[in-house]
Amino acid sequence: MNLSKIVCAGLLVTSLALTAFRSDKDPLHKRKFAAKAQAIDAKDNTPKGKPFEDEIEFKNGKVYSLACWDKMEFQDIKYEITKDSTYKEGEEEKRLFEILATSSNDKKEQLCMNITIDGYDIKCIYKLIKKDVIKKMFTSNGTEKVKKK
């Protein structure tokens, strides 16, 4: 009887330990998107200049954007999923994510990225802020890249 209690207690402790140390998978890990980015005039929210290529990749809890690197010299920005939901569109079940990514640099500038992923589509707003003033602003819209097998 004591042996059965010890075995049950051991199984209970093991299952609790496994549950406590289980890491939740990042649903965005290794997702890549091809997009077109556009500079936006921060004063009147109108597009300025020509659209340019952007590539957005999520990996290991960080987001990398070609536009952020090329135009603002930020890379590997930590992000937080603020909304994760599913909905039906016809017969297809889609997943919707809202993501907030922020980072700062030595110049005391802050990058704020607001990202929405709706199924395979992505929309981003990038803002580079210094002393509460938007220095640069971009939008980016695109779709997920198809993985080659």
Foldseek 3Di string as FASTA:
>chain_A
DVVVVVVVVVVVVVVVVCVVPDDDDDPQAFWKWKKWKFWADPVPRHTDDDIDIWMWHDHDQFIAIPCCCVPPNDGGWGKDWPDWDWDDDPNDIKIKTWMWTWDADPVQKMWIKTWIDIHFKIKIWIFIDHPNDTPIIMIIITGIDDDDD
